[in-house]
Amino acid sequence: MPGQSDEIDKGGTLRLGAYPCVIAEGTKMEHFYGKKEISERHRHRYEFNNDYREILKEKGLTLSGESPDGRLIETVELTDRPFYIGVQYHPEFKSRPNRPHPLFKGFIGAAIEKSKEDAE
């Protein structure tokens, strides 16, 4: 892929390193991060198939984060659920015991809220 380091023999199309992501307004991603642009670390060979963008959006998938040029989908979510987020990057790379990643913190928060609802 364009922009990857040529110094490392990755044996294919490995997307490696930090990449920017622009977060869509009004999404859970925006709520959890509290900002419009983030940078997250990648280590994968997968990409969202843009041929299915429109049909998936029509069926209820929110494309909540994309590369600054709009070519790559970085995050998706189902907004009618308490927490249903999929990401292309590895949030565990930036999470620490004393500073949890925003998505892990959001997931735990959603689980606590669901537990409270179920107890009522």
N, C-alpha and C. Protein backbone atom coordinates (compact mmCIF):
# COMPACT_ATOMS: atom_id res chain seq x y z
N MET A 1 0.84 -1.18 0.00
CA MET A 1 0.00 0.00 0.00
C MET A 1 0.88 1.24 0.00
N PRO A 2 0.39 2.30 -0.59
CA PRO A 2 1.17 3.54 -0.60
C PRO A 2 1.45 4.05 0.80
N GLY A 3 2.61 4.61 1.01
CA GLY A 3 2.96 5.20 2.28
C GLY A 3 3.56 4.25 3.29
N GLN A 4 3.73 2.99 2.93
CA GLN A 4 4.35 2.05 3.85
C GLN A 4 5.85 2.08 3.68
N SER A 5 6.53 1.72 4.74
CA SER A 5 7.98 1.70 4.71
C SER A 5 8.49 0.61 3.77
N ASP A 6 9.38 0.98 2.88
CA ASP A 6 9.99 0.01 1.97
C ASP A 6 11.18 -0.68 2.61
N GLU A 7 11.56 -0.21 3.80
CA GLU A 7 12.74 -0.76 4.47
C GLU A 7 12.48 -2.12 5.10
N ILE A 8 11.21 -2.45 5.33
CA ILE A 8 10.87 -3.71 5.99
C ILE A 8 10.26 -4.65 4.95
N ASP A 9 10.81 -5.86 4.84
CA ASP A 9 10.24 -6.85 3.95
C ASP A 9 9.05 -7.49 4.65
N LYS A 10 7.84 -7.05 4.28
CA LYS A 10 6.64 -7.51 4.94
C LYS A 10 6.00 -8.68 4.19
N GLY A 11 6.50 -9.01 3.05
CA GLY A 11 5.99 -10.15 2.31
C GLY A 11 4.57 -9.98 1.83
N GLY A 12 4.14 -8.79 1.53
CA GLY A 12 2.78 -8.60 1.04
C GLY A 12 2.29 -7.19 1.27
N THR A 13 1.07 -7.08 1.72
CA THR A 13 0.43 -5.78 1.84
C THR A 13 0.20 -5.38 3.29
N LEU A 14 1.10 -5.70 4.16
CA LEU A 14 0.94 -5.39 5.58
C LEU A 14 0.86 -3.89 5.79
N ARG A 15 -0.16 -3.47 6.50
CA ARG A 15 -0.30 -2.07 6.89
C ARG A 15 0.24 -1.96 8.30
N LEU A 16 1.34 -1.26 8.43
CA LEU A 16 2.09 -1.26 9.68
C LEU A 16 2.38 0.16 10.15
N GLY A 17 2.08 0.44 11.42
CA GLY A 17 2.41 1.74 11.99
C GLY A 17 1.18 2.59 12.27
N ALA A 18 1.43 3.82 12.65
CA ALA A 18 0.36 4.74 13.02
C ALA A 18 -0.21 5.43 11.78
N TYR A 19 -1.54 5.53 11.76
CA TYR A 19 -2.25 6.20 10.67
C TYR A 19 -3.31 7.11 11.26
N PRO A 20 -3.57 8.25 10.63
CA PRO A 20 -4.62 9.14 11.12
C PRO A 20 -6.00 8.62 10.74
N CYS A 21 -6.98 9.02 11.54
CA CYS A 21 -8.37 8.65 11.32
C CYS A 21 -9.23 9.87 11.65
N VAL A 22 -10.12 10.23 10.73
CA VAL A 22 -11.07 11.32 10.95
C VAL A 22 -12.39 10.69 11.40
N ILE A 23 -12.86 11.12 12.55
CA ILE A 23 -14.05 10.55 13.16
C ILE A 23 -15.29 11.33 12.75
N ALA A 24 -16.35 10.61 12.39
CA ALA A 24 -17.60 11.22 11.99
C ALA A 24 -18.31 11.84 13.19
N GLU A 25 -18.95 12.95 12.94
CA GLU A 25 -19.67 13.68 13.97
C GLU A 25 -20.89 12.90 14.46
N GLY A 26 -21.13 12.97 15.76
CA GLY A 26 -22.31 12.36 16.34
C GLY A 26 -22.23 10.85 16.56
N THR A 27 -21.04 10.28 16.43
CA THR A 27 -20.88 8.84 16.58
C THR A 27 -20.39 8.51 17.99
N LYS A 28 -20.48 7.23 18.32
CA LYS A 28 -19.93 6.79 19.60
C LYS A 28 -18.41 6.97 19.61
N MET A 29 -17.79 6.79 18.47
CA MET A 29 -16.34 7.03 18.39
C MET A 29 -16.02 8.45 18.83
N GLU A 30 -16.77 9.41 18.34
CA GLU A 30 -16.54 10.80 18.74
C GLU A 30 -16.77 10.98 20.24
N HIS A 31 -17.81 10.33 20.74
CA HIS A 31 -18.10 10.43 22.18
C HIS A 31 -16.96 9.85 23.02
N PHE A 32 -16.46 8.68 22.65
CA PHE A 32 -15.41 8.02 23.44
C PHE A 32 -14.07 8.74 23.35
N TYR A 33 -13.72 9.21 22.17
CA TYR A 33 -12.42 9.88 22.00
C TYR A 33 -12.47 11.36 22.40
N GLY A 34 -13.61 11.99 22.19
CA GLY A 34 -13.73 13.41 22.51
C GLY A 34 -12.99 14.31 21.55
N LYS A 35 -12.70 13.82 20.35
CA LYS A 35 -12.05 14.65 19.34
C LYS A 35 -12.36 14.12 17.94
N LYS A 36 -12.03 14.91 16.95
CA LYS A 36 -12.38 14.60 15.55
C LYS A 36 -11.31 13.83 14.79
N GLU A 37 -10.08 13.94 15.22
CA GLU A 37 -9.01 13.21 14.52
C GLU A 37 -8.14 12.49 15.54
N ILE A 38 -7.84 11.24 15.23
CA ILE A 38 -7.01 10.42 16.10
C ILE A 38 -5.90 9.79 15.26
N SER A 39 -4.96 9.18 15.92
CA SER A 39 -3.92 8.40 15.26
C SER A 39 -3.81 7.08 16.01
N GLU A 40 -3.92 5.99 15.27
CA GLU A 40 -3.87 4.67 15.89
C GLU A 40 -2.91 3.77 15.12
N ARG A 41 -2.41 2.76 15.82
CA ARG A 41 -1.41 1.85 15.24
C ARG A 41 -2.06 0.64 14.58
N HIS A 42 -1.53 0.31 13.42
CA HIS A 42 -2.04 -0.80 12.62
C HIS A 42 -0.98 -1.89 12.48
N ARG A 43 -1.46 -3.11 12.28
CA ARG A 43 -0.61 -4.23 11.92
C ARG A 43 -1.53 -5.31 11.35
N HIS A 44 -1.88 -5.15 10.09
CA HIS A 44 -2.82 -6.08 9.46
C HIS A 44 -2.72 -6.02 7.95
N ARG A 45 -3.38 -6.94 7.31
CA ARG A 45 -3.44 -7.01 5.86
C ARG A 45 -4.86 -6.78 5.34
N TYR A 46 -5.77 -6.39 6.19
CA TYR A 46 -7.18 -6.29 5.83
C TYR A 46 -7.59 -4.85 5.55
N GLU A 47 -8.57 -4.70 4.68
CA GLU A 47 -9.17 -3.40 4.43
C GLU A 47 -10.66 -3.58 4.20
N PHE A 48 -11.41 -2.56 4.49
CA PHE A 48 -12.84 -2.51 4.22
C PHE A 48 -13.04 -2.47 2.71
N ASN A 49 -13.94 -3.28 2.20
CA ASN A 49 -14.19 -3.31 0.76
C ASN A 49 -15.15 -2.18 0.39
N ASN A 50 -14.61 -1.15 -0.27
CA ASN A 50 -15.39 0.03 -0.62
C ASN A 50 -16.53 -0.26 -1.59
N ASP A 51 -16.51 -1.40 -2.26
CA ASP A 51 -17.61 -1.77 -3.16
C ASP A 51 -18.91 -1.92 -2.38
N TYR A 52 -18.83 -2.14 -1.08
CA TYR A 52 -20.01 -2.38 -0.25
C TYR A 52 -20.38 -1.21 0.65
N ARG A 53 -19.72 -0.08 0.49
CA ARG A 53 -19.97 1.08 1.35
C ARG A 53 -21.45 1.46 1.41
N GLU A 54 -22.03 1.72 0.27
CA GLU A 54 -23.40 2.24 0.23
C GLU A 54 -24.43 1.22 0.73
N ILE A 55 -24.33 -0.01 0.31
CA ILE A 55 -25.32 -1.01 0.74
C ILE A 55 -25.24 -1.26 2.25
N LEU A 56 -24.02 -1.26 2.80
CA LEU A 56 -23.88 -1.46 4.24
C LEU A 56 -24.43 -0.25 5.01
N LYS A 57 -24.21 0.94 4.49
CA LYS A 57 -24.79 2.12 5.13
C LYS A 57 -26.31 2.07 5.08
N GLU A 58 -26.86 1.66 3.94
CA GLU A 58 -28.32 1.54 3.80
C GLU A 58 -28.89 0.54 4.80
N LYS A 59 -28.13 -0.49 5.13
CA LYS A 59 -28.58 -1.53 6.06
C LYS A 59 -28.32 -1.19 7.52
N GLY A 60 -27.75 -0.01 7.78
CA GLY A 60 -27.61 0.44 9.16
C GLY A 60 -26.20 0.52 9.72
N LEU A 61 -25.20 0.19 8.94
CA LEU A 61 -23.82 0.30 9.42
C LEU A 61 -23.36 1.75 9.32
N THR A 62 -22.85 2.28 10.40
CA THR A 62 -22.31 3.64 10.39
C THR A 62 -20.81 3.57 10.14
N LEU A 63 -20.36 4.26 9.12
CA LEU A 63 -18.93 4.34 8.82
C LEU A 63 -18.42 5.52 9.63
N SER A 64 -17.91 5.23 10.82
CA SER A 64 -17.66 6.28 11.80
C SER A 64 -16.25 6.86 11.79
N GLY A 65 -15.35 6.27 11.04
CA GLY A 65 -14.00 6.81 10.94
C GLY A 65 -13.36 6.42 9.64
N GLU A 66 -12.65 7.37 9.03
CA GLU A 66 -11.98 7.07 7.76
C GLU A 66 -10.66 7.81 7.67
N SER A 67 -9.87 7.40 6.72
CA SER A 67 -8.59 8.09 6.48
C SER A 67 -8.89 9.52 6.04
N PRO A 68 -7.95 10.44 6.25
CA PRO A 68 -8.20 11.83 5.87
C PRO A 68 -8.59 12.03 4.41
N ASP A 69 -8.10 11.15 3.52
CA ASP A 69 -8.48 11.28 2.11
C ASP A 69 -9.79 10.58 1.77
N GLY A 70 -10.40 9.90 2.77
CA GLY A 70 -11.68 9.25 2.58
C GLY A 70 -11.64 7.91 1.87
N ARG A 71 -10.47 7.42 1.55
CA ARG A 71 -10.36 6.16 0.80
C ARG A 71 -10.48 4.92 1.68
N LEU A 72 -10.02 5.00 2.91
CA LEU A 72 -10.00 3.83 3.79
C LEU A 72 -10.95 4.00 4.95
N ILE A 73 -11.79 3.01 5.16
CA ILE A 73 -12.66 3.00 6.34
C ILE A 73 -11.84 2.43 7.49
N GLU A 74 -11.80 3.18 8.58
CA GLU A 74 -11.02 2.79 9.76
C GLU A 74 -11.90 2.22 10.86
N THR A 75 -13.13 2.76 11.00
CA THR A 75 -14.02 2.30 12.07
C THR A 75 -15.46 2.23 11.57
N VAL A 76 -16.20 1.28 12.13
CA VAL A 76 -17.63 1.15 11.84
C VAL A 76 -18.36 0.93 13.16
N GLU A 77 -19.64 1.23 13.16
CA GLU A 77 -20.44 0.96 14.36
C GLU A 77 -21.90 0.79 14.00
N LEU A 78 -22.60 0.10 14.86
CA LEU A 78 -24.05 0.02 14.81
C LEU A 78 -24.53 0.92 15.93
N THR A 79 -25.12 2.04 15.57
CA THR A 79 -25.44 3.07 16.56
C THR A 79 -26.69 2.76 17.37
N ASP A 80 -27.46 1.73 16.96
CA ASP A 80 -28.65 1.38 17.73
C ASP A 80 -28.35 0.39 18.85
N ARG A 81 -27.08 0.12 19.09
CA ARG A 81 -26.66 -0.80 20.16
C ARG A 81 -25.87 -0.02 21.21
N PRO A 82 -25.84 -0.53 22.44
CA PRO A 82 -25.08 0.17 23.49
C PRO A 82 -23.58 0.29 23.16
N PHE A 83 -23.03 -0.75 22.55
CA PHE A 83 -21.61 -0.71 22.15
C PHE A 83 -21.42 -1.75 21.07
N TYR A 84 -21.22 -1.28 19.86
CA TYR A 84 -20.96 -2.19 18.74
C TYR A 84 -20.04 -1.43 17.78
N ILE A 85 -18.75 -1.57 18.00
CA ILE A 85 -17.75 -0.83 17.24
C ILE A 85 -16.72 -1.81 16.70
N GLY A 86 -16.38 -1.65 15.44
CA GLY A 86 -15.30 -2.42 14.83
C GLY A 86 -14.23 -1.47 14.32
N VAL A 87 -12.97 -1.82 14.53
CA VAL A 87 -11.87 -0.96 14.11
C VAL A 87 -10.83 -1.76 13.34
N GLN A 88 -10.10 -1.08 12.47
CA GLN A 88 -9.04 -1.70 11.70
C GLN A 88 -7.72 -1.75 12.47
N TYR A 89 -7.59 -0.94 13.47
CA TYR A 89 -6.33 -0.81 14.20
C TYR A 89 -6.35 -1.65 15.47
N HIS A 90 -5.29 -1.57 16.22
CA HIS A 90 -5.13 -2.34 17.46
C HIS A 90 -5.15 -1.40 18.67
N PRO A 91 -6.31 -1.22 19.30
CA PRO A 91 -6.35 -0.32 20.47
C PRO A 91 -5.48 -0.81 21.62
N GLU A 92 -5.25 -2.11 21.71
CA GLU A 92 -4.43 -2.64 22.81
C GLU A 92 -2.99 -2.13 22.75
N PHE A 93 -2.54 -1.69 21.58
CA PHE A 93 -1.17 -1.18 21.45
C PHE A 93 -0.97 0.11 22.25
N LYS A 94 -2.05 0.86 22.49
CA LYS A 94 -1.92 2.13 23.18
C LYS A 94 -2.56 2.15 24.56
N SER A 95 -3.11 1.03 24.99
CA SER A 95 -3.77 0.97 26.29
C SER A 95 -2.76 0.63 27.38
N ARG A 96 -2.94 1.24 28.54
CA ARG A 96 -2.08 1.00 29.70
C ARG A 96 -2.95 0.80 30.93
N PRO A 97 -2.47 0.06 31.94
CA PRO A 97 -3.29 -0.16 33.14
C PRO A 97 -3.77 1.13 33.80
N ASN A 98 -2.95 2.14 33.81
CA ASN A 98 -3.32 3.41 34.44
C ASN A 98 -3.91 4.41 33.45
N ARG A 99 -3.98 4.03 32.17
CA ARG A 99 -4.51 4.91 31.12
C ARG A 99 -5.16 4.04 30.04
N PRO A 100 -6.37 3.51 30.32
CA PRO A 100 -6.99 2.61 29.35
C PRO A 100 -7.35 3.33 28.06
N HIS A 101 -7.32 2.58 26.99
CA HIS A 101 -7.69 3.11 25.68
C HIS A 101 -9.16 3.55 25.73
N PRO A 102 -9.53 4.63 25.02
CA PRO A 102 -10.92 5.11 25.04
C PRO A 102 -11.96 4.05 24.66
N LEU A 103 -11.62 3.15 23.76
CA LEU A 103 -12.59 2.13 23.38
C LEU A 103 -12.79 1.08 24.47
N PHE A 104 -11.73 0.71 25.17
CA PHE A 104 -11.86 -0.24 26.27
C PHE A 104 -12.67 0.40 27.41
N LYS A 105 -12.37 1.66 27.67
CA LYS A 105 -13.10 2.39 28.71
C LYS A 105 -14.58 2.50 28.34
N GLY A 106 -14.86 2.78 27.06
CA GLY A 106 -16.24 2.87 26.59
C GLY A 106 -16.96 1.54 26.65
N PHE A 107 -16.26 0.45 26.32
CA PHE A 107 -16.85 -0.88 26.38
C PHE A 107 -17.23 -1.25 27.80
N ILE A 108 -16.32 -1.02 28.74
CA ILE A 108 -16.60 -1.32 30.15
C ILE A 108 -17.75 -0.47 30.65
N GLY A 109 -17.77 0.80 30.28
CA GLY A 109 -18.86 1.69 30.67
C GLY A 109 -20.21 1.19 30.14
N ALA A 110 -20.25 0.75 28.88
CA ALA A 110 -21.49 0.23 28.30
C ALA A 110 -21.92 -1.05 29.01
N ALA A 111 -20.97 -1.90 29.38
CA ALA A 111 -21.28 -3.14 30.10
C ALA A 111 -21.87 -2.83 31.48
N ILE A 112 -21.31 -1.84 32.16
CA ILE A 112 -21.82 -1.45 33.47
C ILE A 112 -23.25 -0.91 33.35
N GLU A 113 -23.49 -0.07 32.35
CA GLU A 113 -24.84 0.48 32.14
C GLU A 113 -25.84 -0.63 31.83
N LYS A 114 -25.44 -1.59 31.00
CA LYS A 114 -26.32 -2.71 30.66
C LYS A 114 -26.63 -3.53 31.91
N SER A 115 -25.63 -3.75 32.74
CA SER A 115 -25.81 -4.51 33.98
C SER A 115 -26.81 -3.80 34.90
N LYS A 116 -26.72 -2.48 34.98
CA LYS A 116 -27.65 -1.71 35.80
C LYS A 116 -29.07 -1.81 35.26
N GLU A 117 -29.22 -1.74 33.92
CA GLU A 117 -30.54 -1.88 33.30
C GLU A 117 -31.14 -3.25 33.59
N ASP A 118 -30.32 -4.27 33.48
CA ASP A 118 -30.80 -5.64 33.69
C ASP A 118 -31.20 -5.88 35.15
N ALA A 119 -30.57 -5.16 36.07
CA ALA A 119 -30.86 -5.33 37.48
C ALA A 119 -32.18 -4.66 37.89
N GLU A 120 -32.63 -3.73 37.08
CA GLU A 120 -33.88 -2.98 37.41
C GLU A 120 -35.11 -3.79 37.14
